[in-house]
Amino acid sequence: MRHNAGNERPEYERSHWETNYQKDVRKMSDKSILILYGTETGNAKALGEDAEIMASKMGFEAKLEDMEYFEAGEISDYERLLIICSTWGDGEQPYSAQDLYDSVSSLSGGALQGVNFSVLALGDTSYELFCESGKEWDKVIEEKGGTRVKDRVDLDTDYDDYADDWIMDTLELMFQIPTGE
């Protein structure tokens, strides 16, 4: 426990307070949205970046995060969640998404109550388990109490035109969600 010069509160207490304060502010923010992506080749990341730009232009406080570096317990800090995830190999989660998926799967039922979500799944129809990882995300978020805002979309390798339209439609629906709902 270290003390700051001229400050009687230990440093860890301030850090703890600041972290909790940031969570409270994020919850109270009129229009915050978390965009999580899981990718192997970069396609989901590129769509996530597009979604972040669109969301910011609409007035959202958008936060884009790689699933590899995000903690399951932080998802419930957001009222709006957009997941963009590719499928790798024979229906598998991308390496960057697997740990987070496992952690979310182990959350208690209702842990994501109050989280409004939608999933954009990327895949390749030449594989038997087309868009399987996106389907798994859609299912687990709902099982943990999340509320689906727009039905999941499963996109093949020629996704460019349709993805932007789906993202914009989804963001418009999420923008209408009142804070605290």
N, C-alpha and C. Protein backbone atom coordinates (compact mmCIF):
# COMPACT_ATOMS: atom_id res chain seq x y z
N MET A 1 0.86 -1.17 0.00
CA MET A 1 0.00 0.00 0.00
C MET A 1 0.91 1.23 0.00
N ARG A 2 0.88 1.97 -1.11
CA ARG A 2 1.69 3.18 -1.21
C ARG A 2 0.81 4.40 -1.06
N HIS A 3 1.38 5.45 -0.51
CA HIS A 3 0.66 6.71 -0.37
C HIS A 3 1.22 7.71 -1.36
N ASN A 4 0.34 8.51 -1.90
CA ASN A 4 0.77 9.60 -2.77
C ASN A 4 1.16 10.78 -1.90
N ALA A 5 2.15 11.52 -2.32
CA ALA A 5 2.57 12.70 -1.57
C ALA A 5 1.41 13.68 -1.45
N GLY A 6 1.11 14.10 -0.23
CA GLY A 6 0.04 15.07 -0.01
C GLY A 6 -1.35 14.47 -0.08
N ASN A 7 -1.46 13.17 -0.21
CA ASN A 7 -2.76 12.52 -0.29
C ASN A 7 -2.79 11.41 0.76
N GLU A 8 -3.79 11.45 1.61
CA GLU A 8 -3.83 10.48 2.70
C GLU A 8 -4.43 9.14 2.29
N ARG A 9 -5.13 9.09 1.16
CA ARG A 9 -5.72 7.83 0.73
C ARG A 9 -4.66 6.97 0.06
N PRO A 10 -4.62 5.69 0.37
CA PRO A 10 -3.68 4.80 -0.32
C PRO A 10 -3.99 4.78 -1.82
N GLU A 11 -2.96 4.56 -2.60
CA GLU A 11 -3.09 4.58 -4.05
C GLU A 11 -4.09 3.53 -4.55
N TYR A 12 -4.09 2.33 -3.96
CA TYR A 12 -4.99 1.30 -4.45
C TYR A 12 -6.45 1.68 -4.25
N GLU A 13 -6.74 2.43 -3.20
CA GLU A 13 -8.13 2.84 -2.98
C GLU A 13 -8.59 3.79 -4.07
N ARG A 14 -7.73 4.72 -4.48
CA ARG A 14 -8.11 5.63 -5.54
C ARG A 14 -8.32 4.86 -6.85
N SER A 15 -7.41 3.94 -7.14
CA SER A 15 -7.55 3.16 -8.37
C SER A 15 -8.85 2.38 -8.35
N HIS A 16 -9.17 1.78 -7.21
CA HIS A 16 -10.42 1.03 -7.08
C HIS A 16 -11.62 1.96 -7.29
N TRP A 17 -11.57 3.15 -6.66
CA TRP A 17 -12.66 4.11 -6.81
C TRP A 17 -12.78 4.56 -8.25
N GLU A 18 -11.65 4.86 -8.90
CA GLU A 18 -11.69 5.32 -10.28
C GLU A 18 -12.27 4.25 -11.19
N THR A 19 -11.90 3.00 -10.97
CA THR A 19 -12.43 1.91 -11.78
C THR A 19 -13.94 1.80 -11.61
N ASN A 20 -14.43 1.82 -10.37
CA ASN A 20 -15.87 1.75 -10.13
C ASN A 20 -16.58 2.97 -10.69
N TYR A 21 -15.98 4.13 -10.55
CA TYR A 21 -16.57 5.36 -11.08
C TYR A 21 -16.71 5.26 -12.60
N GLN A 22 -15.66 4.77 -13.26
CA GLN A 22 -15.72 4.64 -14.72
C GLN A 22 -16.84 3.70 -15.13
N LYS A 23 -17.04 2.62 -14.39
CA LYS A 23 -18.13 1.69 -14.70
C LYS A 23 -19.48 2.37 -14.53
N ASP A 24 -19.64 3.15 -13.45
CA ASP A 24 -20.90 3.85 -13.22
C ASP A 24 -21.17 4.86 -14.32
N VAL A 25 -20.15 5.60 -14.73
CA VAL A 25 -20.32 6.58 -15.80
C VAL A 25 -20.71 5.88 -17.09
N ARG A 26 -20.06 4.75 -17.38
CA ARG A 26 -20.37 4.02 -18.60
C ARG A 26 -21.82 3.54 -18.57
N LYS A 27 -22.29 3.06 -17.43
CA LYS A 27 -23.68 2.61 -17.30
C LYS A 27 -24.65 3.77 -17.49
N MET A 28 -24.26 4.96 -17.03
CA MET A 28 -25.15 6.11 -17.12
C MET A 28 -25.07 6.79 -18.48
N SER A 29 -24.03 6.49 -19.24
CA SER A 29 -23.85 7.13 -20.54
C SER A 29 -25.08 6.86 -21.41
N ASP A 30 -25.56 7.89 -22.04
CA ASP A 30 -26.77 7.75 -22.84
C ASP A 30 -26.61 6.71 -23.94
N LYS A 31 -25.49 6.69 -24.61
CA LYS A 31 -25.36 5.85 -25.79
C LYS A 31 -24.00 5.17 -25.89
N SER A 32 -23.68 4.29 -24.95
CA SER A 32 -22.44 3.54 -25.07
C SER A 32 -22.72 2.20 -25.72
N ILE A 33 -21.74 1.70 -26.47
CA ILE A 33 -21.86 0.40 -27.12
C ILE A 33 -20.50 -0.28 -27.13
N LEU A 34 -20.50 -1.57 -26.84
CA LEU A 34 -19.30 -2.39 -26.89
C LEU A 34 -19.36 -3.20 -28.18
N ILE A 35 -18.29 -3.14 -28.96
CA ILE A 35 -18.17 -3.92 -30.18
C ILE A 35 -17.02 -4.89 -29.97
N LEU A 36 -17.33 -6.18 -29.91
CA LEU A 36 -16.33 -7.22 -29.73
C LEU A 36 -16.13 -7.96 -31.04
N TYR A 37 -14.87 -8.21 -31.39
CA TYR A 37 -14.61 -8.99 -32.60
C TYR A 37 -13.67 -10.15 -32.30
N GLY A 38 -13.90 -11.25 -33.02
CA GLY A 38 -13.03 -12.42 -32.97
C GLY A 38 -12.65 -12.76 -34.39
N THR A 39 -11.36 -12.88 -34.67
CA THR A 39 -10.91 -13.02 -36.05
C THR A 39 -9.63 -13.82 -36.15
N GLU A 40 -9.41 -14.43 -37.28
CA GLU A 40 -8.13 -15.06 -37.62
C GLU A 40 -7.46 -14.31 -38.76
N THR A 41 -8.24 -13.89 -39.73
CA THR A 41 -7.68 -13.26 -40.94
C THR A 41 -7.80 -11.75 -40.95
N GLY A 42 -8.54 -11.18 -40.01
CA GLY A 42 -8.69 -9.73 -39.95
C GLY A 42 -10.01 -9.21 -40.49
N ASN A 43 -10.83 -10.06 -41.10
CA ASN A 43 -12.10 -9.59 -41.67
C ASN A 43 -13.05 -9.08 -40.59
N ALA A 44 -13.19 -9.81 -39.49
CA ALA A 44 -14.09 -9.38 -38.42
C ALA A 44 -13.58 -8.09 -37.78
N LYS A 45 -12.27 -7.96 -37.66
CA LYS A 45 -11.70 -6.73 -37.11
C LYS A 45 -12.02 -5.54 -38.01
N ALA A 46 -11.86 -5.72 -39.32
CA ALA A 46 -12.16 -4.63 -40.26
C ALA A 46 -13.62 -4.22 -40.17
N LEU A 47 -14.53 -5.19 -40.07
CA LEU A 47 -15.95 -4.86 -39.91
C LEU A 47 -16.20 -4.18 -38.57
N GLY A 48 -15.49 -4.61 -37.54
CA GLY A 48 -15.61 -3.97 -36.23
C GLY A 48 -15.17 -2.51 -36.29
N GLU A 49 -14.10 -2.25 -37.01
CA GLU A 49 -13.63 -0.87 -37.17
C GLU A 49 -14.67 -0.03 -37.91
N ASP A 50 -15.27 -0.62 -38.96
CA ASP A 50 -16.34 0.08 -39.68
C ASP A 50 -17.51 0.37 -38.74
N ALA A 51 -17.88 -0.63 -37.94
CA ALA A 51 -19.00 -0.46 -37.01
C ALA A 51 -18.69 0.62 -35.98
N GLU A 52 -17.45 0.67 -35.51
CA GLU A 52 -17.06 1.70 -34.54
C GLU A 52 -17.20 3.10 -35.15
N ILE A 53 -16.78 3.26 -36.38
CA ILE A 53 -16.89 4.56 -37.07
C ILE A 53 -18.36 4.93 -37.24
N MET A 54 -19.17 3.99 -37.72
CA MET A 54 -20.60 4.26 -37.91
C MET A 54 -21.25 4.63 -36.59
N ALA A 55 -20.94 3.87 -35.54
CA ALA A 55 -21.54 4.12 -34.23
C ALA A 55 -21.16 5.49 -33.71
N SER A 56 -19.90 5.85 -33.85
CA SER A 56 -19.44 7.16 -33.38
C SER A 56 -20.14 8.29 -34.12
N LYS A 57 -20.31 8.12 -35.42
CA LYS A 57 -20.99 9.15 -36.22
C LYS A 57 -22.45 9.29 -35.83
N MET A 58 -23.04 8.21 -35.31
CA MET A 58 -24.44 8.25 -34.87
C MET A 58 -24.59 8.86 -33.48
N GLY A 59 -23.48 9.05 -32.78
CA GLY A 59 -23.54 9.62 -31.44
C GLY A 59 -23.30 8.63 -30.32
N PHE A 60 -22.93 7.40 -30.66
CA PHE A 60 -22.58 6.42 -29.64
C PHE A 60 -21.20 6.71 -29.06
N GLU A 61 -21.02 6.32 -27.82
CA GLU A 61 -19.68 6.22 -27.24
C GLU A 61 -19.26 4.78 -27.51
N ALA A 62 -18.55 4.57 -28.62
CA ALA A 62 -18.24 3.22 -29.09
C ALA A 62 -16.89 2.74 -28.57
N LYS A 63 -16.86 1.48 -28.14
CA LYS A 63 -15.62 0.86 -27.68
C LYS A 63 -15.43 -0.43 -28.46
N LEU A 64 -14.38 -0.48 -29.27
CA LEU A 64 -14.04 -1.65 -30.07
C LEU A 64 -12.97 -2.45 -29.34
N GLU A 65 -13.22 -3.75 -29.16
CA GLU A 65 -12.28 -4.60 -28.42
C GLU A 65 -12.08 -5.94 -29.11
N ASP A 66 -10.84 -6.39 -29.14
CA ASP A 66 -10.50 -7.73 -29.58
C ASP A 66 -10.92 -8.70 -28.47
N MET A 67 -11.65 -9.75 -28.81
CA MET A 67 -12.09 -10.72 -27.81
C MET A 67 -10.93 -11.31 -27.02
N GLU A 68 -9.77 -11.38 -27.64
CA GLU A 68 -8.62 -11.98 -26.98
C GLU A 68 -8.21 -11.24 -25.71
N TYR A 69 -8.49 -9.95 -25.66
CA TYR A 69 -8.04 -9.13 -24.53
C TYR A 69 -9.18 -8.60 -23.67
N PHE A 70 -10.35 -9.22 -23.77
CA PHE A 70 -11.51 -8.72 -23.04
C PHE A 70 -11.95 -9.76 -22.01
N GLU A 71 -12.39 -9.28 -20.85
CA GLU A 71 -12.82 -10.16 -19.77
C GLU A 71 -14.34 -10.33 -19.79
N ALA A 72 -14.80 -11.55 -19.59
CA ALA A 72 -16.24 -11.85 -19.62
C ALA A 72 -17.03 -11.00 -18.64
N GLY A 73 -16.49 -10.78 -17.46
CA GLY A 73 -17.20 -10.02 -16.44
C GLY A 73 -17.45 -8.56 -16.80
N GLU A 74 -16.72 -8.04 -17.77
CA GLU A 74 -16.88 -6.65 -18.18
C GLU A 74 -18.04 -6.44 -19.15
N ILE A 75 -18.52 -7.50 -19.77
CA ILE A 75 -19.59 -7.36 -20.77
C ILE A 75 -20.83 -6.75 -20.14
N SER A 76 -21.14 -7.14 -18.92
CA SER A 76 -22.35 -6.64 -18.27
C SER A 76 -22.26 -5.16 -17.91
N ASP A 77 -21.10 -4.55 -18.08
CA ASP A 77 -20.95 -3.10 -17.86
C ASP A 77 -21.59 -2.29 -18.99
N TYR A 78 -21.97 -2.96 -20.05
CA TYR A 78 -22.53 -2.29 -21.23
C TYR A 78 -23.97 -2.72 -21.46
N GLU A 79 -24.79 -1.78 -21.88
CA GLU A 79 -26.19 -2.10 -22.19
C GLU A 79 -26.36 -2.50 -23.65
N ARG A 80 -25.35 -2.20 -24.47
CA ARG A 80 -25.42 -2.51 -25.90
C ARG A 80 -24.15 -3.25 -26.30
N LEU A 81 -24.33 -4.37 -27.01
CA LEU A 81 -23.21 -5.21 -27.41
C LEU A 81 -23.40 -5.66 -28.85
N LEU A 82 -22.38 -5.44 -29.65
CA LEU A 82 -22.36 -5.94 -31.02
C LEU A 82 -21.19 -6.91 -31.13
N ILE A 83 -21.48 -8.14 -31.51
CA ILE A 83 -20.43 -9.15 -31.68
C ILE A 83 -20.26 -9.41 -33.17
N ILE A 84 -19.00 -9.36 -33.61
CA ILE A 84 -18.65 -9.68 -34.99
C ILE A 84 -17.58 -10.77 -34.90
N CYS A 85 -17.93 -11.97 -35.38
CA CYS A 85 -17.03 -13.10 -35.19
C CYS A 85 -16.99 -13.99 -36.42
N SER A 86 -15.79 -14.37 -36.80
CA SER A 86 -15.63 -15.31 -37.90
C SER A 86 -15.61 -16.74 -37.35
N THR A 87 -15.72 -17.69 -38.25
CA THR A 87 -15.59 -19.10 -37.90
C THR A 87 -14.30 -19.60 -38.52
N TRP A 88 -13.58 -20.41 -37.79
CA TRP A 88 -12.28 -20.87 -38.25
C TRP A 88 -12.28 -22.39 -38.36
N GLY A 89 -11.60 -22.91 -39.36
CA GLY A 89 -11.49 -24.35 -39.52
C GLY A 89 -12.86 -24.99 -39.70
N ASP A 90 -13.08 -26.07 -38.99
CA ASP A 90 -14.34 -26.81 -39.11
C ASP A 90 -15.31 -26.39 -38.01
N GLY A 91 -15.78 -25.13 -38.09
CA GLY A 91 -16.79 -24.65 -37.15
C GLY A 91 -16.24 -24.18 -35.82
N GLU A 92 -14.98 -23.82 -35.76
CA GLU A 92 -14.35 -23.46 -34.49
C GLU A 92 -14.34 -21.95 -34.27
N GLN A 93 -14.24 -21.58 -32.99
CA GLN A 93 -14.03 -20.18 -32.64
C GLN A 93 -12.63 -19.78 -33.13
N PRO A 94 -12.45 -18.53 -33.53
CA PRO A 94 -11.09 -18.07 -33.80
C PRO A 94 -10.26 -18.19 -32.52
N TYR A 95 -8.96 -18.36 -32.67
CA TYR A 95 -8.09 -18.46 -31.50
C TYR A 95 -8.31 -17.29 -30.55
N SER A 96 -8.45 -16.10 -31.11
CA SER A 96 -8.60 -14.89 -30.29
C SER A 96 -9.91 -14.85 -29.51
N ALA A 97 -10.88 -15.66 -29.90
CA ALA A 97 -12.20 -15.62 -29.28
C ALA A 97 -12.46 -16.77 -28.31
N GLN A 98 -11.68 -17.84 -28.41
CA GLN A 98 -12.00 -19.07 -27.67
C GLN A 98 -12.04 -18.87 -26.15
N ASP A 99 -11.04 -18.22 -25.58
CA ASP A 99 -11.01 -18.05 -24.11
C ASP A 99 -12.20 -17.23 -23.61
N LEU A 100 -12.51 -16.15 -24.32
CA LEU A 100 -13.65 -15.33 -23.90
C LEU A 100 -14.94 -16.13 -24.04
N TYR A 101 -15.08 -16.87 -25.12
CA TYR A 101 -16.29 -17.69 -25.30
C TYR A 101 -16.43 -18.69 -24.15
N ASP A 102 -15.34 -19.35 -23.79
CA ASP A 102 -15.37 -20.31 -22.68
C ASP A 102 -15.75 -19.62 -21.37
N SER A 103 -15.20 -18.43 -21.15
CA SER A 103 -15.50 -17.68 -19.91
C SER A 103 -16.96 -17.24 -19.87
N VAL A 104 -17.48 -16.76 -20.99
CA VAL A 104 -18.89 -16.35 -21.03
C VAL A 104 -19.78 -17.57 -20.82
N SER A 105 -19.41 -18.69 -21.42
CA SER A 105 -20.19 -19.92 -21.26
C SER A 105 -20.28 -20.35 -19.80
N SER A 106 -19.26 -20.04 -19.01
CA SER A 106 -19.26 -20.46 -17.61
C SER A 106 -19.91 -19.44 -16.67
N LEU A 107 -20.36 -18.30 -17.19
CA LEU A 107 -21.07 -17.33 -16.36
C LEU A 107 -22.38 -17.92 -15.87
N SER A 108 -22.87 -17.44 -14.76
CA SER A 108 -24.15 -17.92 -14.25
C SER A 108 -25.29 -17.41 -15.14
N GLY A 109 -26.39 -18.13 -15.14
CA GLY A 109 -27.57 -17.69 -15.89
C GLY A 109 -28.01 -16.33 -15.40
N GLY A 110 -28.36 -15.45 -16.29
CA GLY A 110 -28.79 -14.12 -15.92
C GLY A 110 -27.65 -13.12 -15.76
N ALA A 111 -26.40 -13.58 -15.90
CA ALA A 111 -25.25 -12.69 -15.72
C ALA A 111 -25.23 -11.55 -16.74
N LEU A 112 -25.86 -11.75 -17.89
CA LEU A 112 -25.86 -10.72 -18.93
C LEU A 112 -27.23 -10.07 -19.10
N GLN A 113 -28.05 -10.19 -18.08
CA GLN A 113 -29.35 -9.53 -18.11
C GLN A 113 -29.11 -8.02 -18.21
N GLY A 114 -29.85 -7.37 -19.07
CA GLY A 114 -29.67 -5.93 -19.28
C GLY A 114 -28.74 -5.61 -20.43
N VAL A 115 -28.13 -6.65 -21.03
CA VAL A 115 -27.27 -6.45 -22.19
C VAL A 115 -28.09 -6.71 -23.45
N ASN A 116 -28.23 -5.69 -24.28
CA ASN A 116 -28.93 -5.80 -25.55
C ASN A 116 -27.89 -6.09 -26.62
N PHE A 117 -28.08 -7.17 -27.38
CA PHE A 117 -27.00 -7.62 -28.26
C PHE A 117 -27.49 -8.01 -29.65
N SER A 118 -26.55 -8.05 -30.56
CA SER A 118 -26.74 -8.62 -31.89
C SER A 118 -25.42 -9.22 -32.34
N VAL A 119 -25.51 -10.23 -33.21
CA VAL A 119 -24.32 -10.95 -33.67
C VAL A 119 -24.26 -10.95 -35.19
N LEU A 120 -23.09 -10.58 -35.71
CA LEU A 120 -22.79 -10.71 -37.13
C LEU A 120 -21.76 -11.83 -37.23
N ALA A 121 -22.14 -12.91 -37.92
CA ALA A 121 -21.28 -14.08 -38.05
C ALA A 121 -20.70 -14.15 -39.46
N LEU A 122 -19.40 -14.41 -39.53
CA LEU A 122 -18.73 -14.57 -40.81
C LEU A 122 -18.33 -16.03 -40.99
N GLY A 123 -18.45 -16.51 -42.22
CA GLY A 123 -18.07 -17.88 -42.49
C GLY A 123 -17.90 -18.12 -43.98
N ASP A 124 -17.88 -19.38 -44.33
CA ASP A 124 -17.68 -19.81 -45.71
C ASP A 124 -18.61 -20.99 -45.95
N THR A 125 -19.54 -20.84 -46.89
CA THR A 125 -20.54 -21.88 -47.12
C THR A 125 -19.95 -23.18 -47.66
N SER A 126 -18.68 -23.18 -48.04
CA SER A 126 -18.08 -24.43 -48.49
C SER A 126 -17.76 -25.36 -47.31
N TYR A 127 -17.91 -24.85 -46.08
CA TYR A 127 -17.71 -25.67 -44.89
C TYR A 127 -19.05 -26.11 -44.33
N GLU A 128 -19.07 -27.32 -43.78
CA GLU A 128 -20.31 -27.88 -43.24
C GLU A 128 -20.89 -27.04 -42.10
N LEU A 129 -20.04 -26.56 -41.21
CA LEU A 129 -20.49 -25.78 -40.05
C LEU A 129 -20.34 -24.29 -40.34
N PHE A 130 -21.14 -23.82 -41.27
CA PHE A 130 -21.12 -22.43 -41.72
C PHE A 130 -21.49 -21.48 -40.58
N CYS A 131 -20.63 -20.52 -40.30
CA CYS A 131 -20.86 -19.47 -39.29
C CYS A 131 -21.12 -20.04 -37.89
N GLU A 132 -20.57 -21.19 -37.59
CA GLU A 132 -20.86 -21.87 -36.33
C GLU A 132 -20.47 -21.03 -35.11
N SER A 133 -19.34 -20.36 -35.16
CA SER A 133 -18.92 -19.59 -33.97
C SER A 133 -19.90 -18.45 -33.68
N GLY A 134 -20.39 -17.78 -34.71
CA GLY A 134 -21.39 -16.73 -34.50
C GLY A 134 -22.68 -17.29 -33.93
N LYS A 135 -23.07 -18.47 -34.39
CA LYS A 135 -24.26 -19.13 -33.86
C LYS A 135 -24.07 -19.45 -32.38
N GLU A 136 -22.86 -19.89 -32.02
CA GLU A 136 -22.58 -20.20 -30.62
C GLU A 136 -22.63 -18.93 -29.75
N TRP A 137 -22.07 -17.83 -30.25
CA TRP A 137 -22.13 -16.57 -29.50
C TRP A 137 -23.56 -16.12 -29.30
N ASP A 138 -24.35 -16.18 -30.35
CA ASP A 138 -25.74 -15.76 -30.29
C ASP A 138 -26.49 -16.56 -29.22
N LYS A 139 -26.26 -17.85 -29.20
CA LYS A 139 -26.94 -18.73 -28.25
C LYS A 139 -26.49 -18.47 -26.82
N VAL A 140 -25.18 -18.36 -26.59
CA VAL A 140 -24.69 -18.23 -25.21
C VAL A 140 -25.04 -16.87 -24.61
N ILE A 141 -25.02 -15.81 -25.40
CA ILE A 141 -25.38 -14.49 -24.85
C ILE A 141 -26.85 -14.50 -24.43
N GLU A 142 -27.70 -15.11 -25.25
CA GLU A 142 -29.11 -15.20 -24.88
C GLU A 142 -29.30 -16.08 -23.64
N GLU A 143 -28.60 -17.22 -23.58
CA GLU A 143 -28.71 -18.11 -22.42
C GLU A 143 -28.30 -17.44 -21.12
N LYS A 144 -27.39 -16.49 -21.21
CA LYS A 144 -26.89 -15.79 -20.02
C LYS A 144 -27.71 -14.54 -19.71
N GLY A 145 -28.84 -14.36 -20.40
CA GLY A 145 -29.77 -13.29 -20.06
C GLY A 145 -29.80 -12.11 -20.99
N GLY A 146 -28.95 -12.11 -22.03
CA GLY A 146 -28.95 -11.00 -22.98
C GLY A 146 -30.23 -10.94 -23.79
N THR A 147 -30.56 -9.75 -24.27
CA THR A 147 -31.76 -9.53 -25.08
C THR A 147 -31.34 -9.24 -26.52
N ARG A 148 -31.77 -10.09 -27.44
CA ARG A 148 -31.42 -9.92 -28.85
C ARG A 148 -32.18 -8.73 -29.43
N VAL A 149 -31.44 -7.82 -30.06
CA VAL A 149 -32.03 -6.62 -30.66
C VAL A 149 -32.40 -6.89 -32.12
N LYS A 150 -31.54 -7.57 -32.82
CA LYS A 150 -31.76 -7.91 -34.23
C LYS A 150 -31.24 -9.33 -34.43
N ASP A 151 -31.96 -10.10 -35.23
CA ASP A 151 -31.54 -11.48 -35.47
C ASP A 151 -30.13 -11.54 -36.02
N ARG A 152 -29.42 -12.59 -35.62
CA ARG A 152 -28.07 -12.83 -36.11
C ARG A 152 -28.09 -12.90 -37.63
N VAL A 153 -27.02 -12.40 -38.24
CA VAL A 153 -26.87 -12.54 -39.67
C VAL A 153 -25.64 -13.42 -39.92
N ASP A 154 -25.78 -14.39 -40.82
CA ASP A 154 -24.69 -15.29 -41.19
C ASP A 154 -24.24 -14.93 -42.60
N LEU A 155 -23.01 -14.45 -42.72
CA LEU A 155 -22.53 -13.94 -44.00
C LEU A 155 -21.41 -14.80 -44.56
N ASP A 156 -21.49 -15.03 -45.87
CA ASP A 156 -20.49 -15.79 -46.60
C ASP A 156 -19.31 -14.88 -46.95
N THR A 157 -18.39 -15.38 -47.71
CA THR A 157 -17.16 -14.65 -48.02
C THR A 157 -17.39 -13.36 -48.81
N ASP A 158 -18.52 -13.23 -49.46
CA ASP A 158 -18.83 -12.00 -50.22
C ASP A 158 -19.77 -11.10 -49.41
N TYR A 159 -19.36 -10.78 -48.21
CA TYR A 159 -20.21 -10.10 -47.23
C TYR A 159 -20.23 -8.58 -47.34
N ASP A 160 -19.32 -7.98 -48.07
CA ASP A 160 -19.09 -6.54 -48.01
C ASP A 160 -20.34 -5.67 -48.06
N ASP A 161 -21.14 -5.81 -49.08
CA ASP A 161 -22.30 -4.93 -49.23
C ASP A 161 -23.33 -5.12 -48.13
N TYR A 162 -23.63 -6.36 -47.82
CA TYR A 162 -24.69 -6.63 -46.86
C TYR A 162 -24.28 -6.30 -45.43
N ALA A 163 -23.01 -6.49 -45.10
CA ALA A 163 -22.55 -6.27 -43.72
C ALA A 163 -22.78 -4.84 -43.27
N ASP A 164 -22.42 -3.86 -44.10
CA ASP A 164 -22.59 -2.46 -43.71
C ASP A 164 -24.06 -2.11 -43.48
N ASP A 165 -24.93 -2.62 -44.34
CA ASP A 165 -26.37 -2.36 -44.17
C ASP A 165 -26.88 -2.97 -42.87
N TRP A 166 -26.47 -4.21 -42.59
CA TRP A 166 -26.92 -4.88 -41.37
C TRP A 166 -26.41 -4.13 -40.14
N ILE A 167 -25.15 -3.73 -40.17
CA ILE A 167 -24.58 -2.99 -39.03
C ILE A 167 -25.34 -1.70 -38.81
N MET A 168 -25.60 -0.95 -39.87
CA MET A 168 -26.32 0.32 -39.73
C MET A 168 -27.73 0.09 -39.19
N ASP A 169 -28.44 -0.89 -39.72
CA ASP A 169 -29.79 -1.20 -39.21
C ASP A 169 -29.75 -1.57 -37.73
N THR A 170 -28.77 -2.36 -37.35
CA THR A 170 -28.63 -2.80 -35.96
C THR A 170 -28.31 -1.62 -35.04
N LEU A 171 -27.40 -0.76 -35.47
CA LEU A 171 -27.05 0.41 -34.67
C LEU A 171 -28.24 1.34 -34.50
N GLU A 172 -29.04 1.49 -35.55
CA GLU A 172 -30.24 2.33 -35.43
C GLU A 172 -31.20 1.76 -34.40
N LEU A 173 -31.37 0.44 -34.38
CA LEU A 173 -32.23 -0.19 -33.37
C LEU A 173 -31.64 -0.01 -31.97
N MET A 174 -30.34 -0.17 -31.85
CA MET A 174 -29.70 -0.02 -30.54
C MET A 174 -29.74 1.42 -30.05
N PHE A 175 -29.71 2.36 -30.97
CA PHE A 175 -29.75 3.77 -30.59
C PHE A 175 -31.09 4.10 -29.93
N GLN A 176 -32.14 3.37 -30.28
CA GLN A 176 -33.47 3.62 -29.74
C GLN A 176 -33.66 3.04 -28.33
N ILE A 177 -32.71 2.23 -27.86
CA ILE A 177 -32.83 1.62 -26.54
C ILE A 177 -32.55 2.68 -25.48
N PRO A 178 -33.52 2.94 -24.62
CA PRO A 178 -33.29 3.93 -23.56
C PRO A 178 -32.24 3.43 -22.56
N THR A 179 -31.46 4.32 -22.03
CA THR A 179 -30.48 3.96 -21.01
C THR A 179 -31.20 3.45 -19.77
N GLY A 180 -30.66 2.39 -19.21
CA GLY A 180 -31.26 1.82 -18.00
C GLY A 180 -32.36 0.82 -18.30
N GLU A 181 -32.55 0.47 -19.56
CA GLU A 181 -33.59 -0.49 -19.94
C GLU A 181 -33.00 -1.88 -20.04
